Amino acid sequence: MTHKSLISISDWFTDKATWWGCGAHIPSVMDSIPEDDWCACTPQVEKDGKKYPPKAAKAG
């Protein structure tokens, strides 16, 4: 199975961390970033029972 890598990026509007990619690795990327630094935008994405910021509109 192939998929795009997940990357963490800063939301241009809030300057907080969010993600872009297929979503398969959200926890492994976002859990390395303090939650205080996460984008608080909605709707959030739930992965493995934990909520994460929504996917960014585009990479970079």
Protein backbone atom coordinates (compact mmCIF):
# COMPACT_ATOMS: atom_id res chain seq x y z
CA MET A 1 0.00 0.00 0.00
CA THR A 2 1.32 3.43 -0.85
CA HIS A 3 0.20 6.74 0.54
CA LYS A 4 1.37 10.29 0.82
CA SER A 5 3.49 11.13 3.83
CA LEU A 6 1.95 13.17 6.58
CA ILE A 7 3.61 16.47 7.34
CA SER A 8 3.00 19.00 10.04
CA ILE A 9 2.59 22.57 8.87
CA SER A 10 1.62 25.87 10.41
CA ASP A 11 -1.80 27.19 9.57
CA TRP A 12 -1.23 30.53 7.80
CA PHE A 13 -4.06 32.23 9.68
CA THR A 14 -3.39 31.03 13.23
CA ASP A 15 0.32 30.13 13.01
CA LYS A 16 -0.55 26.91 14.86
CA ALA A 17 0.33 23.35 13.88
CA THR A 18 -1.96 21.27 11.71
CA TRP A 19 -1.30 18.50 9.20
CA TRP A 20 -1.57 17.66 5.54
CA GLY A 21 -1.44 14.29 3.79
CA CYS A 22 -3.40 11.06 3.77
CA GLY A 23 -4.01 11.09 7.54
CA ALA A 24 -2.59 7.64 8.27
CA HIS A 25 0.12 8.99 10.58
CA ILE A 26 -1.64 11.85 12.35
CA PRO A 27 -0.82 10.62 15.88
CA SER A 28 2.87 9.94 15.18
CA VAL A 29 3.34 13.46 13.82
CA MET A 30 0.98 15.58 15.89
CA ASP A 31 1.74 13.90 19.24
CA SER A 32 5.33 15.18 18.95
CA ILE A 33 3.98 18.77 19.00
CA PRO A 34 2.63 20.28 22.26
CA GLU A 35 -1.17 20.53 22.09
CA ASP A 36 -0.94 24.23 23.02
CA ASP A 37 0.74 24.70 19.64
CA TRP A 38 -2.02 22.93 17.67
CA CYS A 39 -4.53 24.77 15.53
CA ALA A 40 -7.88 24.95 17.37
CA CYS A 41 -9.90 25.03 14.14
CA THR A 42 -12.93 22.82 13.61
CA PRO A 43 -14.11 20.31 12.65
CA GLN A 44 -11.48 18.20 14.37
CA VAL A 45 -10.38 14.82 13.08
CA GLU A 46 -10.60 11.80 15.39
CA LYS A 47 -7.88 9.17 15.06
CA ASP A 48 -7.49 6.25 17.49
CA GLY A 49 -9.91 7.90 19.93
CA LYS A 50 -8.07 11.24 20.11
CA LYS A 51 -9.05 14.50 18.41
CA TYR A 52 -6.62 16.40 16.20
CA PRO A 53 -6.76 19.63 14.19
CA PRO A 54 -8.40 19.46 10.77
CA LYS A 55 -6.35 18.82 7.65
CA ALA A 56 -4.80 21.94 6.15
CA ALA A 57 -6.21 23.09 2.82
CA LYS A 58 -2.82 22.66 1.15
CA ALA A 59 0.75 21.68 2.00
CA GLY A 60 3.09 24.50 2.93
